[in-house]
Each structure stands twice: as structure tokens, then as C-alpha cells.
Amino acid sequence: MGFLDRSRHLYRYDWEFPNGRDRISPELDQMKTTIPIRMLRASDAESFQAFRLFGLRTVPEAFGSSHEEEVDRSIEEVRQRLEARPNAVFGAFVEGKLVGVAGFAVSTALKERHKGSLWGVFVDPEWRGHDLGKRLTQTVIDYARLHVDTLKAIVAAANVSARTLYLGLGFTVYGFEKDSLRVNGQSYDDELLRLDLR
């Protein structure tokens, strides 16, 4: 499935503050709402692919895809996928640098086009603690309402912070997959989530 990561997400400890601090400055606190989020375009392909590969290297257990599978993907293919509407990838930028992403994809099966997937949520570790994971996820939810009736997601069962985030945004658990992924010999279980957008 590659690009869609089997709709897995990384939102681990995203509301913890960087560098172990228990509070952030007023200036950084203000950035929680001022960091811009927008839909990525073909011109963002290079920065998106580099950021994605960084995530795959850093936390391989958070993605269905692997760095080995994605590293040889051509930039032209990435450009095409970033422009393949109604699918979309949203990015958060700080001074022009991509620091967070979240994707949306509509099912390609004719009988399942009323369903979409939230996928690939990842925030640069240096920029966690700014609600970016939550804002990116909410952006995908708002966009998905224009295109589908149901939004699905998959979260690692052990990822308490991600699970808390998604349930707080209205997702409900409808299934469990044991031994969903194996990374470096370690098994990971998944919870299957859905959000009714009707």
C-alpha cells in the first residue's frame, strides 16, 4: 500500500513539551495557533518525501510502510500523488520548513467510496507540544466531511496519547488486530477506529 501507511499514525506524546520542559514560553504558546497548515502541492514533493523518510527512519513502528520501500520512490510519483484529488496531504510549516503532516485518502473501490482514511500523521519531535498533531488531524476531518461519510483510522494499541487524541475528536473503536505489524522482530497490535461524518 506504500503511500497510505495502512492508515497508521504517529502522534506519540505530541502534547509533551520539547526538550523535557514542563512549560513553554508565551511566544511558543502563541505559535500553537499561528503555525500555518495548508494542503501540500506538487511543488512540496521534495520536502514532503524527505520529511516522510525521516519519520520512517525515526519511528518505523508507527508506519505500515518501511524506509526501504519508500526511499526509491520517484519525486514525480510523489508529485502526482500530492495532486490526486480528492486525496490530500496537509502540512504544518514553521518559517517555510515542513514540521508536521497528515493525509487523507478516499477508498478506490466503487462500493466503498463513501469511506476515507486518515493516514501518516507525524510531527517533527522538535515541534511536539504545539498541538500540531491535533490541528492536522482536525484539518483532515474538516476536509473529509466534504468528500466522505465515514473516516477510518488505525492506531497502535499501545499508543495511549494517539488513542486519547482520536477518541477525543470523536473516533470510536470498532476492531482490534493482533500482531498487525512486525518491526525488527517486535510485534505491534492495532486498534481500528472510525468517525461518522454524516
N, C-alpha and C. Protein backbone atom coordinates (compact mmCIF):
# COMPACT_ATOMS: atom_id res chain seq x y z
N MET A 1 0.82 -1.20 0.00
CA MET A 1 0.00 0.00 0.00
C MET A 1 0.86 1.25 0.00
N GLY A 2 2.06 1.14 0.53
CA GLY A 2 3.03 2.22 0.36
C GLY A 2 2.60 3.53 0.94
N PHE A 3 2.19 4.44 0.07
CA PHE A 3 1.94 5.83 0.41
C PHE A 3 0.93 6.00 1.54
N LEU A 4 0.00 5.07 1.68
CA LEU A 4 -1.08 5.25 2.64
C LEU A 4 -0.76 4.72 4.03
N ASP A 5 0.37 4.02 4.20
CA ASP A 5 0.77 3.55 5.53
C ASP A 5 -0.29 2.72 6.22
N ARG A 6 -1.17 2.11 5.49
CA ARG A 6 -2.25 1.34 6.10
C ARG A 6 -2.97 2.19 7.13
N SER A 7 -2.96 3.50 6.90
CA SER A 7 -3.66 4.48 7.73
C SER A 7 -3.14 4.54 9.16
N ARG A 8 -1.94 4.05 9.41
CA ARG A 8 -1.37 4.17 10.75
C ARG A 8 -0.93 5.60 10.98
N HIS A 9 -0.72 5.92 12.25
CA HIS A 9 -0.39 7.29 12.61
C HIS A 9 0.70 7.34 13.65
N LEU A 10 1.47 8.39 13.62
CA LEU A 10 2.36 8.68 14.73
C LEU A 10 1.88 9.96 15.38
N TYR A 11 1.44 9.84 16.58
CA TYR A 11 1.11 11.03 17.37
C TYR A 11 1.55 10.73 18.79
N ARG A 12 2.75 10.21 18.94
CA ARG A 12 3.20 9.81 20.25
C ARG A 12 3.67 11.01 21.04
N TYR A 13 3.05 11.19 22.21
CA TYR A 13 3.49 12.22 23.15
C TYR A 13 3.51 13.59 22.51
N ASP A 14 2.59 13.86 21.60
CA ASP A 14 2.64 15.12 20.85
C ASP A 14 2.29 16.31 21.71
N TRP A 15 1.64 16.08 22.85
CA TRP A 15 1.36 17.23 23.69
C TRP A 15 2.39 17.38 24.79
N GLU A 16 3.41 16.54 24.82
CA GLU A 16 4.52 16.78 25.72
C GLU A 16 5.39 17.89 25.16
N PHE A 17 6.07 18.58 26.03
CA PHE A 17 6.86 19.71 25.59
C PHE A 17 8.25 19.26 25.15
N PRO A 18 8.85 19.95 24.17
CA PRO A 18 10.16 19.56 23.68
C PRO A 18 11.23 19.73 24.74
N ASN A 19 12.28 18.91 24.63
CA ASN A 19 13.46 19.01 25.50
C ASN A 19 13.13 18.80 26.97
N GLY A 20 12.02 18.10 27.25
CA GLY A 20 11.71 17.75 28.61
C GLY A 20 11.17 18.89 29.46
N ARG A 21 10.87 20.03 28.87
CA ARG A 21 10.37 21.16 29.66
C ARG A 21 8.93 20.91 30.07
N ASP A 22 8.54 21.43 31.23
CA ASP A 22 7.17 21.24 31.67
C ASP A 22 6.30 22.44 31.35
N ARG A 23 6.87 23.43 30.72
CA ARG A 23 6.07 24.56 30.26
C ARG A 23 6.82 25.24 29.11
N ILE A 24 6.10 26.03 28.33
CA ILE A 24 6.72 26.71 27.21
C ILE A 24 6.49 28.20 27.35
N SER A 25 7.30 28.96 26.64
CA SER A 25 7.22 30.41 26.74
C SER A 25 5.93 30.92 26.11
N PRO A 26 5.48 32.13 26.48
CA PRO A 26 4.29 32.70 25.85
C PRO A 26 4.42 32.80 24.34
N GLU A 27 5.64 33.09 23.86
CA GLU A 27 5.85 33.20 22.42
C GLU A 27 5.60 31.86 21.73
N LEU A 28 6.14 30.78 22.33
CA LEU A 28 5.92 29.46 21.74
C LEU A 28 4.48 29.03 21.91
N ASP A 29 3.87 29.39 23.04
CA ASP A 29 2.47 29.04 23.25
C ASP A 29 1.58 29.67 22.19
N GLN A 30 1.89 30.92 21.81
CA GLN A 30 1.12 31.60 20.78
C GLN A 30 1.25 30.90 19.44
N MET A 31 2.42 30.27 19.20
CA MET A 31 2.65 29.59 17.93
C MET A 31 1.72 28.39 17.75
N LYS A 32 1.13 27.89 18.85
CA LYS A 32 0.22 26.76 18.73
C LYS A 32 -0.88 27.04 17.72
N THR A 33 -1.34 28.27 17.69
CA THR A 33 -2.44 28.61 16.78
C THR A 33 -1.98 29.38 15.55
N THR A 34 -0.73 29.85 15.55
CA THR A 34 -0.28 30.65 14.42
C THR A 34 0.55 29.86 13.41
N ILE A 35 1.02 28.67 13.78
CA ILE A 35 1.75 27.85 12.81
C ILE A 35 0.78 27.48 11.69
N PRO A 36 1.08 27.89 10.45
CA PRO A 36 0.13 27.66 9.35
C PRO A 36 0.06 26.20 8.92
N ILE A 37 -1.13 25.78 8.55
CA ILE A 37 -1.37 24.45 7.99
C ILE A 37 -2.05 24.63 6.65
N ARG A 38 -1.55 23.95 5.63
CA ARG A 38 -2.15 24.05 4.30
C ARG A 38 -2.01 22.72 3.57
N MET A 39 -2.80 22.59 2.50
CA MET A 39 -2.72 21.41 1.66
C MET A 39 -1.42 21.44 0.86
N LEU A 40 -0.72 20.31 0.83
CA LEU A 40 0.52 20.25 0.06
C LEU A 40 0.22 20.17 -1.43
N ARG A 41 1.13 20.74 -2.20
CA ARG A 41 1.02 20.76 -3.67
C ARG A 41 2.19 19.98 -4.27
N ALA A 42 2.16 19.85 -5.58
CA ALA A 42 3.25 19.14 -6.27
C ALA A 42 4.59 19.78 -5.98
N SER A 43 4.61 21.09 -5.81
CA SER A 43 5.87 21.79 -5.54
C SER A 43 6.45 21.46 -4.17
N ASP A 44 5.66 20.80 -3.31
CA ASP A 44 6.14 20.40 -1.98
C ASP A 44 6.68 18.98 -1.97
N ALA A 45 6.74 18.34 -3.11
CA ALA A 45 7.07 16.91 -3.16
C ALA A 45 8.41 16.58 -2.52
N GLU A 46 9.44 17.37 -2.82
CA GLU A 46 10.77 17.07 -2.28
C GLU A 46 10.79 17.18 -0.76
N SER A 47 10.22 18.25 -0.22
CA SER A 47 10.24 18.42 1.24
C SER A 47 9.35 17.38 1.92
N PHE A 48 8.22 17.04 1.29
CA PHE A 48 7.36 16.01 1.87
C PHE A 48 8.05 14.66 1.89
N GLN A 49 8.67 14.28 0.79
CA GLN A 49 9.33 12.98 0.73
C GLN A 49 10.48 12.90 1.74
N ALA A 50 11.25 13.97 1.86
CA ALA A 50 12.35 13.98 2.84
C ALA A 50 11.80 13.85 4.26
N PHE A 51 10.71 14.56 4.54
CA PHE A 51 10.12 14.51 5.88
C PHE A 51 9.54 13.13 6.17
N ARG A 52 8.91 12.56 5.16
CA ARG A 52 8.33 11.22 5.31
C ARG A 52 9.42 10.18 5.57
N LEU A 53 10.51 10.24 4.83
CA LEU A 53 11.60 9.30 5.04
C LEU A 53 12.22 9.47 6.42
N PHE A 54 12.28 10.72 6.89
CA PHE A 54 12.77 10.99 8.25
C PHE A 54 11.89 10.27 9.27
N GLY A 55 10.58 10.35 9.10
CA GLY A 55 9.67 9.66 10.01
C GLY A 55 9.82 8.16 9.95
N LEU A 56 9.97 7.61 8.75
CA LEU A 56 10.12 6.16 8.60
C LEU A 56 11.40 5.66 9.24
N ARG A 57 12.46 6.47 9.20
CA ARG A 57 13.71 6.10 9.86
C ARG A 57 13.61 6.23 11.37
N THR A 58 12.96 7.29 11.81
CA THR A 58 12.95 7.63 13.23
C THR A 58 12.05 6.70 14.04
N VAL A 59 10.86 6.43 13.53
CA VAL A 59 9.88 5.61 14.27
C VAL A 59 9.24 4.59 13.32
N PRO A 60 9.99 3.59 12.88
CA PRO A 60 9.47 2.65 11.88
C PRO A 60 8.22 1.91 12.33
N GLU A 61 8.05 1.74 13.64
CA GLU A 61 6.88 1.01 14.14
C GLU A 61 5.58 1.80 13.98
N ALA A 62 5.69 3.09 13.66
CA ALA A 62 4.49 3.93 13.54
C ALA A 62 3.88 3.90 12.15
N PHE A 63 4.55 3.26 11.21
CA PHE A 63 4.09 3.29 9.82
C PHE A 63 3.97 1.88 9.26
N GLY A 64 2.98 1.69 8.40
CA GLY A 64 2.85 0.43 7.69
C GLY A 64 3.90 0.26 6.62
N SER A 65 4.32 1.37 6.03
CA SER A 65 5.39 1.35 5.03
C SER A 65 6.74 1.33 5.73
N SER A 66 7.77 0.99 4.98
CA SER A 66 9.12 0.99 5.52
C SER A 66 9.99 1.97 4.74
N HIS A 67 11.07 2.40 5.37
CA HIS A 67 12.02 3.28 4.71
C HIS A 67 12.57 2.60 3.46
N GLU A 68 12.84 1.31 3.57
CA GLU A 68 13.40 0.57 2.44
C GLU A 68 12.46 0.57 1.24
N GLU A 69 11.16 0.53 1.50
CA GLU A 69 10.18 0.52 0.42
C GLU A 69 9.99 1.89 -0.21
N GLU A 70 10.16 2.93 0.60
CA GLU A 70 9.83 4.28 0.14
C GLU A 70 11.01 5.07 -0.40
N VAL A 71 12.23 4.70 -0.03
CA VAL A 71 13.38 5.54 -0.35
C VAL A 71 13.61 5.68 -1.85
N ASP A 72 13.21 4.69 -2.63
CA ASP A 72 13.42 4.75 -4.07
C ASP A 72 12.21 5.28 -4.84
N ARG A 73 11.18 5.72 -4.14
CA ARG A 73 10.01 6.28 -4.81
C ARG A 73 10.41 7.57 -5.52
N SER A 74 10.05 7.71 -6.78
CA SER A 74 10.46 8.88 -7.55
C SER A 74 9.71 10.12 -7.10
N ILE A 75 10.37 11.27 -7.21
CA ILE A 75 9.73 12.53 -6.86
C ILE A 75 8.53 12.79 -7.76
N GLU A 76 8.60 12.37 -9.00
CA GLU A 76 7.47 12.56 -9.91
C GLU A 76 6.24 11.80 -9.41
N GLU A 77 6.45 10.60 -8.90
CA GLU A 77 5.32 9.83 -8.35
C GLU A 77 4.75 10.53 -7.13
N VAL A 78 5.62 11.07 -6.29
CA VAL A 78 5.16 11.81 -5.11
C VAL A 78 4.36 13.04 -5.55
N ARG A 79 4.85 13.75 -6.56
CA ARG A 79 4.12 14.93 -7.08
C ARG A 79 2.72 14.54 -7.52
N GLN A 80 2.63 13.46 -8.29
CA GLN A 80 1.33 13.03 -8.80
C GLN A 80 0.38 12.67 -7.67
N ARG A 81 0.89 12.02 -6.65
CA ARG A 81 0.03 11.61 -5.54
C ARG A 81 -0.41 12.81 -4.71
N LEU A 82 0.43 13.81 -4.60
CA LEU A 82 0.05 15.01 -3.85
C LEU A 82 -1.04 15.79 -4.57
N GLU A 83 -1.19 15.58 -5.87
CA GLU A 83 -2.20 16.29 -6.65
C GLU A 83 -3.41 15.42 -6.98
N ALA A 84 -3.45 14.19 -6.47
CA ALA A 84 -4.52 13.24 -6.83
C ALA A 84 -5.75 13.49 -5.97
N ARG A 85 -6.54 14.50 -6.32
CA ARG A 85 -7.74 14.83 -5.56
C ARG A 85 -8.84 13.79 -5.82
N PRO A 86 -9.70 13.54 -4.83
CA PRO A 86 -9.85 14.30 -3.59
C PRO A 86 -8.88 13.91 -2.48
N ASN A 87 -7.97 12.97 -2.73
CA ASN A 87 -6.95 12.67 -1.73
C ASN A 87 -6.14 13.93 -1.45
N ALA A 88 -5.58 14.02 -0.27
CA ALA A 88 -4.83 15.22 0.09
C ALA A 88 -3.88 14.93 1.24
N VAL A 89 -2.80 15.71 1.28
CA VAL A 89 -1.88 15.71 2.42
C VAL A 89 -1.78 17.15 2.91
N PHE A 90 -1.91 17.33 4.21
CA PHE A 90 -1.81 18.66 4.81
C PHE A 90 -0.51 18.76 5.58
N GLY A 91 0.10 19.94 5.53
CA GLY A 91 1.37 20.14 6.21
C GLY A 91 1.37 21.37 7.08
N ALA A 92 2.12 21.30 8.18
CA ALA A 92 2.34 22.45 9.06
C ALA A 92 3.74 22.97 8.79
N PHE A 93 3.87 24.29 8.69
CA PHE A 93 5.14 24.90 8.32
C PHE A 93 5.58 25.93 9.35
N VAL A 94 6.87 25.90 9.67
CA VAL A 94 7.49 26.92 10.51
C VAL A 94 8.62 27.55 9.71
N GLU A 95 8.46 28.83 9.40
CA GLU A 95 9.44 29.56 8.60
C GLU A 95 9.78 28.80 7.32
N GLY A 96 8.75 28.27 6.69
CA GLY A 96 8.91 27.57 5.43
C GLY A 96 9.34 26.13 5.53
N LYS A 97 9.62 25.65 6.74
CA LYS A 97 10.06 24.27 6.93
C LYS A 97 8.88 23.40 7.33
N LEU A 98 8.75 22.25 6.66
CA LEU A 98 7.69 21.30 6.97
C LEU A 98 7.99 20.62 8.30
N VAL A 99 7.05 20.72 9.26
CA VAL A 99 7.29 20.15 10.59
C VAL A 99 6.19 19.18 11.02
N GLY A 100 5.17 18.99 10.19
CA GLY A 100 4.12 18.05 10.52
C GLY A 100 3.25 17.76 9.32
N VAL A 101 2.72 16.54 9.22
CA VAL A 101 1.87 16.17 8.10
C VAL A 101 0.73 15.27 8.57
N ALA A 102 -0.34 15.25 7.78
CA ALA A 102 -1.44 14.30 7.96
C ALA A 102 -2.10 14.12 6.60
N GLY A 103 -2.46 12.88 6.27
CA GLY A 103 -3.01 12.59 4.96
C GLY A 103 -4.45 12.11 5.01
N PHE A 104 -5.12 12.26 3.86
CA PHE A 104 -6.50 11.78 3.67
C PHE A 104 -6.56 11.06 2.33
N ALA A 105 -7.22 9.91 2.32
CA ALA A 105 -7.40 9.17 1.07
C ALA A 105 -8.79 8.56 1.02
N VAL A 106 -9.41 8.64 -0.15
CA VAL A 106 -10.72 8.04 -0.38
C VAL A 106 -10.52 6.62 -0.90
N SER A 107 -11.35 5.71 -0.46
CA SER A 107 -11.29 4.34 -0.95
C SER A 107 -11.50 4.32 -2.46
N THR A 108 -10.75 3.48 -3.15
CA THR A 108 -10.86 3.40 -4.61
C THR A 108 -11.94 2.42 -5.06
N ALA A 109 -12.39 1.55 -4.16
CA ALA A 109 -13.42 0.57 -4.51
C ALA A 109 -14.76 1.28 -4.71
N LEU A 110 -15.46 0.94 -5.78
CA LEU A 110 -16.70 1.61 -6.14
C LEU A 110 -17.71 1.60 -4.99
N LYS A 111 -17.82 0.47 -4.31
CA LYS A 111 -18.82 0.34 -3.25
C LYS A 111 -18.34 0.92 -1.92
N GLU A 112 -17.13 1.45 -1.88
CA GLU A 112 -16.58 1.97 -0.63
C GLU A 112 -16.17 3.44 -0.75
N ARG A 113 -16.65 4.11 -1.77
CA ARG A 113 -16.22 5.49 -1.96
C ARG A 113 -16.84 6.47 -0.97
N HIS A 114 -17.71 5.96 -0.13
CA HIS A 114 -18.26 6.80 0.94
C HIS A 114 -17.34 6.81 2.16
N LYS A 115 -16.21 6.07 2.07
CA LYS A 115 -15.28 5.97 3.19
C LYS A 115 -13.92 6.54 2.82
N GLY A 116 -13.28 7.15 3.80
CA GLY A 116 -11.92 7.66 3.61
C GLY A 116 -11.05 7.26 4.78
N SER A 117 -9.75 7.48 4.64
CA SER A 117 -8.79 7.12 5.68
C SER A 117 -7.94 8.32 6.08
N LEU A 118 -7.73 8.45 7.36
CA LEU A 118 -6.73 9.37 7.91
C LEU A 118 -5.44 8.59 8.01
N TRP A 119 -4.35 9.13 7.48
CA TRP A 119 -3.11 8.35 7.45
C TRP A 119 -1.89 9.25 7.64
N GLY A 120 -0.80 8.62 8.05
CA GLY A 120 0.51 9.26 8.04
C GLY A 120 0.69 10.46 8.94
N VAL A 121 -0.07 10.57 10.04
CA VAL A 121 0.10 11.73 10.93
C VAL A 121 1.47 11.64 11.60
N PHE A 122 2.27 12.68 11.42
CA PHE A 122 3.61 12.70 12.00
C PHE A 122 4.04 14.13 12.24
N VAL A 123 4.58 14.39 13.43
CA VAL A 123 5.08 15.71 13.79
C VAL A 123 6.54 15.59 14.17
N ASP A 124 7.36 16.50 13.64
CA ASP A 124 8.78 16.55 13.98
C ASP A 124 8.92 16.58 15.50
N PRO A 125 9.76 15.70 16.08
CA PRO A 125 9.92 15.68 17.54
C PRO A 125 10.24 17.04 18.14
N GLU A 126 10.95 17.89 17.41
CA GLU A 126 11.30 19.21 17.94
C GLU A 126 10.09 20.14 18.01
N TRP A 127 9.00 19.78 17.35
CA TRP A 127 7.83 20.65 17.31
C TRP A 127 6.60 20.02 17.96
N ARG A 128 6.80 18.99 18.75
CA ARG A 128 5.70 18.45 19.53
C ARG A 128 5.45 19.37 20.72
N GLY A 129 4.24 19.34 21.22
CA GLY A 129 3.87 20.25 22.30
C GLY A 129 3.22 21.51 21.82
N HIS A 130 2.91 21.59 20.52
CA HIS A 130 2.26 22.77 19.94
C HIS A 130 0.87 22.43 19.38
N ASP A 131 0.33 21.29 19.77
CA ASP A 131 -0.99 20.85 19.30
C ASP A 131 -1.04 20.62 17.79
N LEU A 132 0.11 20.43 17.16
CA LEU A 132 0.11 20.27 15.71
C LEU A 132 -0.57 18.98 15.28
N GLY A 133 -0.33 17.90 16.02
CA GLY A 133 -0.99 16.64 15.67
C GLY A 133 -2.50 16.77 15.71
N LYS A 134 -3.00 17.43 16.74
CA LYS A 134 -4.44 17.64 16.86
C LYS A 134 -4.96 18.54 15.76
N ARG A 135 -4.26 19.64 15.47
CA ARG A 135 -4.70 20.58 14.44
C ARG A 135 -4.67 19.93 13.06
N LEU A 136 -3.63 19.16 12.78
CA LEU A 136 -3.55 18.47 11.49
C LEU A 136 -4.67 17.45 11.34
N THR A 137 -4.92 16.69 12.40
CA THR A 137 -5.99 15.70 12.36
C THR A 137 -7.35 16.37 12.17
N GLN A 138 -7.60 17.46 12.88
CA GLN A 138 -8.86 18.17 12.73
C GLN A 138 -9.00 18.74 11.32
N THR A 139 -7.90 19.19 10.74
CA THR A 139 -7.93 19.70 9.37
C THR A 139 -8.37 18.60 8.40
N VAL A 140 -7.82 17.40 8.59
CA VAL A 140 -8.23 16.27 7.75
C VAL A 140 -9.71 15.95 7.96
N ILE A 141 -10.17 15.96 9.20
CA ILE A 141 -11.58 15.68 9.48
C ILE A 141 -12.48 16.69 8.76
N ASP A 142 -12.13 17.97 8.86
CA ASP A 142 -12.94 19.01 8.21
C ASP A 142 -12.97 18.83 6.70
N TYR A 143 -11.82 18.49 6.13
CA TYR A 143 -11.74 18.26 4.68
C TYR A 143 -12.52 17.00 4.30
N ALA A 144 -12.40 15.96 5.11
CA ALA A 144 -13.07 14.69 4.80
C ALA A 144 -14.59 14.85 4.76
N ARG A 145 -15.13 15.75 5.57
CA ARG A 145 -16.58 15.97 5.59
C ARG A 145 -17.12 16.39 4.22
N LEU A 146 -16.26 16.98 3.42
CA LEU A 146 -16.67 17.42 2.09
C LEU A 146 -16.73 16.27 1.08
N HIS A 147 -16.16 15.12 1.45
CA HIS A 147 -15.97 14.06 0.46
C HIS A 147 -16.52 12.69 0.86
N VAL A 148 -16.57 12.38 2.14
CA VAL A 148 -16.97 11.04 2.56
C VAL A 148 -17.92 11.11 3.76
N ASP A 149 -18.56 9.97 4.05
CA ASP A 149 -19.46 9.87 5.20
C ASP A 149 -18.77 9.28 6.42
N THR A 150 -17.70 8.52 6.19
CA THR A 150 -17.00 7.85 7.28
C THR A 150 -15.50 8.03 7.11
N LEU A 151 -14.82 8.35 8.21
CA LEU A 151 -13.36 8.47 8.20
C LEU A 151 -12.81 7.37 9.10
N LYS A 152 -11.90 6.58 8.55
CA LYS A 152 -11.32 5.47 9.30
C LYS A 152 -9.87 5.78 9.66
N ALA A 153 -9.40 5.12 10.71
CA ALA A 153 -8.02 5.29 11.15
C ALA A 153 -7.57 4.02 11.84
N ILE A 154 -6.27 3.85 11.93
CA ILE A 154 -5.68 2.74 12.67
C ILE A 154 -4.63 3.33 13.60
N VAL A 155 -4.65 2.89 14.84
CA VAL A 155 -3.69 3.40 15.81
C VAL A 155 -3.07 2.23 16.56
N ALA A 156 -1.78 2.32 16.84
CA ALA A 156 -1.12 1.28 17.63
C ALA A 156 -1.79 1.20 19.00
N ALA A 157 -2.16 0.00 19.41
CA ALA A 157 -2.91 -0.17 20.65
C ALA A 157 -2.15 0.36 21.86
N ALA A 158 -0.83 0.32 21.80
CA ALA A 158 -0.02 0.78 22.93
C ALA A 158 0.19 2.29 22.93
N ASN A 159 -0.25 2.97 21.88
CA ASN A 159 -0.01 4.40 21.73
C ASN A 159 -1.14 5.17 22.43
N VAL A 160 -0.99 5.33 23.74
CA VAL A 160 -2.06 5.89 24.56
C VAL A 160 -2.37 7.33 24.17
N SER A 161 -1.35 8.13 23.89
CA SER A 161 -1.59 9.54 23.56
C SER A 161 -2.35 9.68 22.25
N ALA A 162 -2.00 8.88 21.25
CA ALA A 162 -2.71 8.94 19.97
C ALA A 162 -4.15 8.48 20.14
N ARG A 163 -4.33 7.41 20.87
CA ARG A 163 -5.68 6.89 21.11
C ARG A 163 -6.55 7.93 21.81
N THR A 164 -5.98 8.59 22.81
CA THR A 164 -6.70 9.63 23.54
C THR A 164 -7.09 10.78 22.61
N LEU A 165 -6.16 11.16 21.74
CA LEU A 165 -6.44 12.24 20.80
C LEU A 165 -7.61 11.89 19.89
N TYR A 166 -7.55 10.73 19.26
CA TYR A 166 -8.57 10.36 18.29
C TYR A 166 -9.94 10.17 18.93
N LEU A 167 -9.96 9.53 20.09
CA LEU A 167 -11.24 9.36 20.79
C LEU A 167 -11.80 10.72 21.20
N GLY A 168 -10.92 11.64 21.57
CA GLY A 168 -11.36 12.98 21.94
C GLY A 168 -11.94 13.76 20.77
N LEU A 169 -11.54 13.40 19.56
CA LEU A 169 -12.06 14.05 18.35
C LEU A 169 -13.28 13.34 17.79
N GLY A 170 -13.75 12.32 18.49
CA GLY A 170 -15.00 11.68 18.10
C GLY A 170 -14.88 10.30 17.49
N PHE A 171 -13.65 9.81 17.26
CA PHE A 171 -13.49 8.46 16.72
C PHE A 171 -13.95 7.43 17.75
N THR A 172 -14.44 6.30 17.26
CA THR A 172 -14.80 5.18 18.13
C THR A 172 -14.05 3.94 17.66
N VAL A 173 -13.80 3.03 18.60
CA VAL A 173 -13.09 1.79 18.29
C VAL A 173 -14.09 0.76 17.77
N TYR A 174 -13.79 0.15 16.63
CA TYR A 174 -14.68 -0.89 16.11
C TYR A 174 -13.98 -2.22 15.89
N GLY A 175 -12.69 -2.27 16.16
CA GLY A 175 -12.00 -3.53 15.96
C GLY A 175 -10.59 -3.52 16.53
N PHE A 176 -10.00 -4.69 16.55
CA PHE A 176 -8.65 -4.88 17.10
C PHE A 176 -7.93 -5.90 16.23
N GLU A 177 -6.71 -5.59 15.86
CA GLU A 177 -5.90 -6.54 15.08
C GLU A 177 -4.63 -6.86 15.84
N LYS A 178 -4.54 -8.09 16.28
CA LYS A 178 -3.35 -8.54 16.99
C LYS A 178 -2.23 -8.82 16.00
N ASP A 179 -1.01 -8.51 16.42
CA ASP A 179 0.17 -8.78 15.59
C ASP A 179 0.03 -8.13 14.21
N SER A 180 -0.44 -6.89 14.20
CA SER A 180 -0.68 -6.19 12.94
C SER A 180 0.61 -5.90 12.18
N LEU A 181 1.64 -5.49 12.90
CA LEU A 181 2.93 -5.20 12.29
C LEU A 181 4.04 -5.90 13.06
N ARG A 182 5.09 -6.23 12.34
CA ARG A 182 6.31 -6.72 12.98
C ARG A 182 7.47 -5.86 12.50
N VAL A 183 8.13 -5.23 13.45
CA VAL A 183 9.25 -4.33 13.15
C VAL A 183 10.44 -4.78 13.97
N ASN A 184 11.51 -5.14 13.28
CA ASN A 184 12.73 -5.61 13.96
C ASN A 184 12.43 -6.73 14.95
N GLY A 185 11.54 -7.63 14.54
CA GLY A 185 11.23 -8.79 15.35
C GLY A 185 10.21 -8.55 16.45
N GLN A 186 9.75 -7.32 16.61
CA GLN A 186 8.77 -7.00 17.65
C GLN A 186 7.38 -6.86 17.05
N SER A 187 6.39 -7.42 17.73
CA SER A 187 5.01 -7.40 17.25
C SER A 187 4.26 -6.20 17.81
N TYR A 188 3.39 -5.61 16.97
CA TYR A 188 2.58 -4.46 17.37
C TYR A 188 1.12 -4.73 17.04
N ASP A 189 0.25 -4.50 18.03
CA ASP A 189 -1.19 -4.64 17.84
C ASP A 189 -1.79 -3.30 17.44
N ASP A 190 -2.91 -3.35 16.72
CA ASP A 190 -3.59 -2.13 16.27
C ASP A 190 -5.04 -2.10 16.72
N GLU A 191 -5.54 -0.88 16.95
CA GLU A 191 -6.97 -0.66 17.11
C GLU A 191 -7.50 0.00 15.85
N LEU A 192 -8.69 -0.42 15.42
CA LEU A 192 -9.33 0.13 14.24
C LEU A 192 -10.37 1.15 14.69
N LEU A 193 -10.30 2.35 14.12
CA LEU A 193 -11.17 3.44 14.53
C LEU A 193 -12.01 3.95 13.37
N ARG A 194 -13.15 4.53 13.70
CA ARG A 194 -13.99 5.16 12.68
C ARG A 194 -14.64 6.40 13.27
N LEU A 195 -14.93 7.36 12.38
CA LEU A 195 -15.62 8.59 12.75
C LEU A 195 -16.75 8.81 11.77
N ASP A 196 -17.97 8.89 12.28
CA ASP A 196 -19.14 9.13 11.43
C ASP A 196 -19.22 10.62 11.13
N LEU A 197 -19.17 10.99 9.85
CA LEU A 197 -19.16 12.39 9.44
C LEU A 197 -20.52 12.87 8.94
N ARG A 198 -21.51 12.01 8.93
CA ARG A 198 -22.83 12.39 8.40
C ARG A 198 -23.56 13.31 9.36
